[in-house]
């Protein structure tokens, strides 16, 4: 994202009517080191909500600090409403030899529970896509999602993303504690 902050009125980016009251405007901005505590709390909550895993707080804080220390690892972005961070995501980069450019991977997406279903992720995504399209060498956006998270999958489809045909595999060298 550029150094300027962008404010989004969710009414302008929402595609379908919602029974919820119209939320206040959102400001999308790059995260700073001062946001590390809220990013850590969001990541810990996400790990618990999605996988029932407890993250080591010290390891998590070091992991979140990584992109601030080495920007080539990625960037965090936050959504603020009335001065409070209500959502965040991390972008990391993957080189594509087939496309001769970078995929921007959206990771660590979290929206605080009271702010869910109010256009917070949509505002983050709209700004991220705007910047990605304006950045030479970016070939697209990707993310992964839990198979059971149908609500999130519907959101991604509504934003114009498509389900791809890949399956993910991993071999973890560090295990996370189960709930």
C-alpha atoms as a PDB file:
ATOM      1  CA  UNK A   1       0.000   0.000   0.000  1.00  0.00           C
ATOM      2  CA  UNK A   2       1.071   3.517  -0.508  1.00  0.00           C
ATOM      3  CA  UNK A   3       2.076   5.532   2.513  1.00  0.00           C
ATOM      4  CA  UNK A   4      -1.293   7.272   2.559  1.00  0.00           C
ATOM      5  CA  UNK A   5      -4.210   5.900   4.495  1.00  0.00           C
ATOM      6  CA  UNK A   6      -7.452   5.136   2.735  1.00  0.00           C
ATOM      7  CA  UNK A   7     -10.874   5.448   4.268  1.00  0.00           C
ATOM      8  CA  UNK A   8     -13.672   3.257   2.985  1.00  0.00           C
ATOM      9  CA  UNK A   9     -17.352   3.635   3.484  1.00  0.00           C
ATOM     10  CA  UNK A  10     -18.625   0.035   3.682  1.00  0.00           C
ATOM     11  CA  UNK A  11     -21.859   1.123   2.003  1.00  0.00           C
ATOM     12  CA  UNK A  12     -19.878   1.769  -1.164  1.00  0.00           C
ATOM     13  CA  UNK A  13     -18.182  -1.636  -1.267  1.00  0.00           C
ATOM     14  CA  UNK A  14     -20.907  -3.928   0.027  1.00  0.00           C
ATOM     15  CA  UNK A  15     -22.473  -5.912  -2.802  1.00  0.00           C
ATOM     16  CA  UNK A  16     -25.607  -7.138  -1.131  1.00  0.00           C
ATOM     17  CA  UNK A  17     -28.000  -5.635   1.383  1.00  0.00           C
ATOM     18  CA  UNK A  18     -27.352  -6.399   5.018  1.00  0.00           C
ATOM     19  CA  UNK A  19     -29.731  -6.299   7.971  1.00  0.00           C
ATOM     20  CA  UNK A  20     -26.979  -4.940  10.232  1.00  0.00           C
ATOM     21  CA  UNK A  21     -26.838  -1.210  10.950  1.00  0.00           C
ATOM     22  CA  UNK A  22     -24.509   0.699   8.656  1.00  0.00           C
ATOM     23  CA  UNK A  23     -21.061   0.650  10.281  1.00  0.00           C
ATOM     24  CA  UNK A  24     -18.787   3.637  10.626  1.00  0.00           C
ATOM     25  CA  UNK A  25     -16.125   4.248   7.998  1.00  0.00           C
ATOM     26  CA  UNK A  26     -13.041   2.068   7.954  1.00  0.00           C
ATOM     27  CA  UNK A  27      -9.475   3.240   7.515  1.00  0.00           C
ATOM     28  CA  UNK A  28      -7.106   0.787   5.842  1.00  0.00           C
ATOM     29  CA  UNK A  29      -3.418   1.321   6.566  1.00  0.00           C
ATOM     30  CA  UNK A  30      -0.121  -0.545   6.729  1.00  0.00           C
ATOM     31  CA  UNK A  31       0.448  -1.991  10.185  1.00  0.00           C
ATOM     32  CA  UNK A  32       3.256  -0.614  12.316  1.00  0.00           C
ATOM     33  CA  UNK A  33       5.295  -2.138  15.119  1.00  0.00           C
ATOM     34  CA  UNK A  34       2.842  -0.509  17.533  1.00  0.00           C
ATOM     35  CA  UNK A  35       0.192  -2.901  16.141  1.00  0.00           C
ATOM     36  CA  UNK A  36       2.151  -6.040  17.069  1.00  0.00           C
ATOM     37  CA  UNK A  37       0.172  -6.666  20.305  1.00  0.00           C
ATOM     38  CA  UNK A  38      -3.192  -6.531  18.515  1.00  0.00           C
ATOM     39  CA  UNK A  39      -1.840  -8.605  15.601  1.00  0.00           C
ATOM     40  CA  UNK A  40      -0.637 -11.189  18.123  1.00  0.00           C
ATOM     41  CA  UNK A  41      -4.015 -11.289  19.842  1.00  0.00           C
ATOM     42  CA  UNK A  42      -5.778 -11.650  16.474  1.00  0.00           C
ATOM     43  CA  UNK A  43      -3.445 -14.469  15.369  1.00  0.00           C
ATOM     44  CA  UNK A  44      -3.843 -16.318  18.661  1.00  0.00           C
ATOM     45  CA  UNK A  45      -7.631 -15.988  18.436  1.00  0.00           C
ATOM     46  CA  UNK A  46      -7.649 -17.168  14.812  1.00  0.00           C
ATOM     47  CA  UNK A  47      -5.532 -20.240  15.638  1.00  0.00           C
ATOM     48  CA  UNK A  48      -7.924 -21.150  18.422  1.00  0.00           C
ATOM     49  CA  UNK A  49     -11.134 -20.455  16.465  1.00  0.00           C
ATOM     50  CA  UNK A  50     -10.080 -22.268  13.291  1.00  0.00           C
ATOM     51  CA  UNK A  51      -7.829 -25.093  14.484  1.00  0.00           C
ATOM     52  CA  UNK A  52      -8.184 -25.233  18.276  1.00  0.00           C
ATOM     53  CA  UNK A  53      -4.441 -24.585  18.563  1.00  0.00           C
ATOM     54  CA  UNK A  54      -2.708 -22.528  21.203  1.00  0.00           C
ATOM     55  CA  UNK A  55       0.227 -20.495  19.952  1.00  0.00           C
ATOM     56  CA  UNK A  56       3.324 -19.790  22.029  1.00  0.00           C
ATOM     57  CA  UNK A  57       3.071 -16.026  22.704  1.00  0.00           C
ATOM     58  CA  UNK A  58       6.825 -15.372  22.467  1.00  0.00           C
ATOM     59  CA  UNK A  59       7.220 -17.311  19.216  1.00  0.00           C
ATOM     60  CA  UNK A  60       4.133 -15.582  17.817  1.00  0.00           C
ATOM     61  CA  UNK A  61       5.458 -12.110  18.681  1.00  0.00           C
ATOM     62  CA  UNK A  62       8.777 -12.927  16.982  1.00  0.00           C
ATOM     63  CA  UNK A  63       6.909 -14.276  13.944  1.00  0.00           C
ATOM     64  CA  UNK A  64       4.776 -11.170  13.628  1.00  0.00           C
ATOM     65  CA  UNK A  65       7.843  -8.942  14.019  1.00  0.00           C
ATOM     66  CA  UNK A  66       9.524 -10.764  11.101  1.00  0.00           C
ATOM     67  CA  UNK A  67       7.990  -8.715   8.269  1.00  0.00           C
ATOM     68  CA  UNK A  68       8.776  -5.473  10.094  1.00  0.00           C
ATOM     69  CA  UNK A  69      12.421  -6.536  10.419  1.00  0.00           C
ATOM     70  CA  UNK A  70      12.698  -7.993   6.915  1.00  0.00           C
ATOM     71  CA  UNK A  71      10.091  -6.450   4.587  1.00  0.00           C
ATOM     72  CA  UNK A  72      10.778  -9.079   1.918  1.00  0.00           C
ATOM     73  CA  UNK A  73       8.907 -11.533   4.132  1.00  0.00           C
ATOM     74  CA  UNK A  74       5.633  -9.670   3.823  1.00  0.00           C
ATOM     75  CA  UNK A  75       3.502  -6.830   5.139  1.00  0.00           C
ATOM     76  CA  UNK A  76       0.625  -6.554   7.570  1.00  0.00           C
ATOM     77  CA  UNK A  77      -2.348  -4.301   6.945  1.00  0.00           C
ATOM     78  CA  UNK A  78      -5.028  -3.269   9.397  1.00  0.00           C
ATOM     79  CA  UNK A  79      -8.541  -1.915   9.248  1.00  0.00           C
ATOM     80  CA  UNK A  80      -9.441   0.685  11.846  1.00  0.00           C
ATOM     81  CA  UNK A  81     -12.811   1.965  12.917  1.00  0.00           C
ATOM     82  CA  UNK A  82     -12.956   4.954  15.238  1.00  0.00           C
ATOM     83  CA  UNK A  83      -9.272   4.507  16.114  1.00  0.00           C
ATOM     84  CA  UNK A  84      -9.518   0.808  17.028  1.00  0.00           C
ATOM     85  CA  UNK A  85      -8.041  -1.980  14.911  1.00  0.00           C
ATOM     86  CA  UNK A  86     -10.920  -4.289  13.921  1.00  0.00           C
ATOM     87  CA  UNK A  87      -9.272  -6.432  11.245  1.00  0.00           C
ATOM     88  CA  UNK A  88      -5.943  -7.403   9.763  1.00  0.00           C
ATOM     89  CA  UNK A  89      -4.205  -9.485   7.165  1.00  0.00           C
ATOM     90  CA  UNK A  90      -0.680 -10.409   6.156  1.00  0.00           C
ATOM     91  CA  UNK A  91       0.594 -10.426   2.584  1.00  0.00           C
ATOM     92  CA  UNK A  92       3.550 -12.638   1.679  1.00  0.00           C
ATOM     93  CA  UNK A  93       5.194 -13.108  -1.690  1.00  0.00           C
ATOM     94  CA  UNK A  94       5.741 -16.143  -3.892  1.00  0.00           C
ATOM     95  CA  UNK A  95       7.773 -15.983  -7.091  1.00  0.00           C
ATOM     96  CA  UNK A  96       6.150 -17.599 -10.123  1.00  0.00           C
ATOM     97  CA  UNK A  97       8.583 -18.751 -12.780  1.00  0.00           C
ATOM     98  CA  UNK A  98       5.653 -19.565 -15.073  1.00  0.00           C
ATOM     99  CA  UNK A  99       4.337 -16.013 -14.908  1.00  0.00           C
ATOM    100  CA  UNK A 100       7.617 -14.167 -14.292  1.00  0.00           C
ATOM    101  CA  UNK A 101       6.193 -12.295 -11.327  1.00  0.00           C
ATOM    102  CA  UNK A 102       4.994 -12.469  -7.744  1.00  0.00           C
ATOM    103  CA  UNK A 103       1.807 -13.910  -6.354  1.00  0.00           C
ATOM    104  CA  UNK A 104       0.697 -11.994  -3.284  1.00  0.00           C
ATOM    105  CA  UNK A 105      -0.545 -14.493  -0.709  1.00  0.00           C
ATOM    106  CA  UNK A 106      -3.168 -13.261   1.742  1.00  0.00           C
ATOM    107  CA  UNK A 107      -2.632 -14.865   5.132  1.00  0.00           C
ATOM    108  CA  UNK A 108      -3.502 -14.410   8.795  1.00  0.00           C
ATOM    109  CA  UNK A 109      -6.868 -12.844   7.995  1.00  0.00           C
ATOM    110  CA  UNK A 110      -8.768 -11.895  11.123  1.00  0.00           C
ATOM    111  CA  UNK A 111     -11.726  -9.664  11.868  1.00  0.00           C
ATOM    112  CA  UNK A 112     -12.681  -8.983  15.485  1.00  0.00           C
ATOM    113  CA  UNK A 113     -15.947 -10.708  16.332  1.00  0.00           C
ATOM    114  CA  UNK A 114     -18.049  -7.543  16.851  1.00  0.00           C
ATOM    115  CA  UNK A 115     -16.944  -6.244  13.424  1.00  0.00           C
ATOM    116  CA  UNK A 116     -17.650  -9.400  11.408  1.00  0.00           C
ATOM    117  CA  UNK A 117     -20.032  -9.345   8.445  1.00  0.00           C
ATOM    118  CA  UNK A 118     -19.694  -5.552   8.215  1.00  0.00           C
ATOM    119  CA  UNK A 119     -17.372  -5.225   5.220  1.00  0.00           C
ATOM    120  CA  UNK A 120     -14.058  -5.161   7.102  1.00  0.00           C
ATOM    121  CA  UNK A 121     -12.348  -7.912   5.116  1.00  0.00           C
ATOM    122  CA  UNK A 122     -13.884  -6.601   1.909  1.00  0.00           C
ATOM    123  CA  UNK A 123     -12.331  -3.165   2.547  1.00  0.00           C
ATOM    124  CA  UNK A 124      -8.928  -4.735   3.271  1.00  0.00           C
ATOM    125  CA  UNK A 125      -9.177  -6.849   0.124  1.00  0.00           C
ATOM    126  CA  UNK A 126     -10.316  -3.985  -2.123  1.00  0.00           C
ATOM    127  CA  UNK A 127      -7.357  -1.860  -1.045  1.00  0.00           C
ATOM    128  CA  UNK A 128      -4.918  -4.754  -1.377  1.00  0.00           C
ATOM    129  CA  UNK A 129      -6.148  -5.606  -4.877  1.00  0.00           C
ATOM    130  CA  UNK A 130      -5.907  -1.941  -5.866  1.00  0.00           C
ATOM    131  CA  UNK A 131      -2.293  -1.822  -4.754  1.00  0.00           C
ATOM    132  CA  UNK A 132      -1.428  -5.210  -6.284  1.00  0.00           C
ATOM    133  CA  UNK A 133      -2.767  -4.132  -9.683  1.00  0.00           C
ATOM    134  CA  UNK A 134      -0.725  -0.924  -9.445  1.00  0.00           C
ATOM    135  CA  UNK A 135       2.512  -2.748  -8.545  1.00  0.00           C
ATOM    136  CA  UNK A 136       4.601  -3.929 -11.513  1.00  0.00           C
ATOM    137  CA  UNK A 137       5.386  -7.632 -11.424  1.00  0.00           C
ATOM    138  CA  UNK A 138       2.413  -8.742  -9.313  1.00  0.00           C
ATOM    139  CA  UNK A 139       0.595 -11.530 -11.142  1.00  0.00           C
ATOM    140  CA  UNK A 140      -2.334 -12.066  -8.789  1.00  0.00           C
ATOM    141  CA  UNK A 141      -3.670 -12.698  -5.309  1.00  0.00           C
ATOM    142  CA  UNK A 142      -3.953 -16.076  -3.601  1.00  0.00           C
ATOM    143  CA  UNK A 143      -5.050 -17.355  -0.249  1.00  0.00           C
ATOM    144  CA  UNK A 144      -5.880 -20.608   1.434  1.00  0.00           C
ATOM    145  CA  UNK A 145      -8.900 -21.288   3.588  1.00  0.00           C
ATOM    146  CA  UNK A 146     -10.077 -24.058   5.892  1.00  0.00           C
ATOM    147  CA  UNK A 147     -12.224 -26.523   3.952  1.00  0.00           C
ATOM    148  CA  UNK A 148     -15.061 -26.190   6.450  1.00  0.00           C
ATOM    149  CA  UNK A 149     -15.136 -22.391   6.429  1.00  0.00           C
ATOM    150  CA  UNK A 150     -17.970 -21.989   3.947  1.00  0.00           C
ATOM    151  CA  UNK A 151     -18.748 -18.423   5.007  1.00  0.00           C
ATOM    152  CA  UNK A 152     -15.215 -17.229   4.184  1.00  0.00           C
ATOM    153  CA  UNK A 153     -15.243 -19.152   0.896  1.00  0.00           C
ATOM    154  CA  UNK A 154     -18.448 -17.387  -0.074  1.00  0.00           C
ATOM    155  CA  UNK A 155     -16.853 -14.040   0.718  1.00  0.00           C
ATOM    156  CA  UNK A 156     -13.821 -14.812  -1.460  1.00  0.00           C
ATOM    157  CA  UNK A 157     -16.023 -15.906  -4.356  1.00  0.00           C
ATOM    158  CA  UNK A 158     -18.119 -12.738  -4.033  1.00  0.00           C
ATOM    159  CA  UNK A 159     -14.914 -10.699  -4.315  1.00  0.00           C
ATOM    160  CA  UNK A 160     -14.130 -12.332  -7.664  1.00  0.00           C
ATOM    161  CA  UNK A 161     -11.617 -14.913  -6.488  1.00  0.00           C
ATOM    162  CA  UNK A 162     -11.878 -18.422  -7.905  1.00  0.00           C
ATOM    163  CA  UNK A 163     -11.238 -21.764  -6.285  1.00  0.00           C
ATOM    164  CA  UNK A 164      -8.131 -23.228  -7.863  1.00  0.00           C
ATOM    165  CA  UNK A 165      -7.389 -26.882  -8.442  1.00  0.00           C
ATOM    166  CA  UNK A 166      -4.389 -27.213  -6.104  1.00  0.00           C
ATOM    167  CA  UNK A 167      -4.329 -29.066  -2.799  1.00  0.00           C
ATOM    168  CA  UNK A 168      -1.885 -28.003  -0.131  1.00  0.00           C
ATOM    169  CA  UNK A 169       0.551 -30.345   1.573  1.00  0.00           C
ATOM    170  CA  UNK A 170       2.977 -29.613   4.350  1.00  0.00           C
ATOM    171  CA  UNK A 171       5.565 -31.171   6.550  1.00  0.00           C
ATOM    172  CA  UNK A 172       5.778 -29.147   9.751  1.00  0.00           C
ATOM    173  CA  UNK A 173       9.040 -28.992  11.668  1.00  0.00           C
ATOM    174  CA  UNK A 174       7.484 -27.153  14.627  1.00  0.00           C
ATOM    175  CA  UNK A 175       4.294 -28.538  16.141  1.00  0.00           C
ATOM    176  CA  UNK A 176       1.643 -26.294  17.681  1.00  0.00           C
ATOM    177  CA  UNK A 177      -0.126 -27.157  20.914  1.00  0.00           C
ATOM    178  CA  UNK A 178      -3.626 -28.561  20.563  1.00  0.00           C
ATOM    179  CA  UNK A 179      -6.397 -27.127  22.719  1.00  0.00           C
END
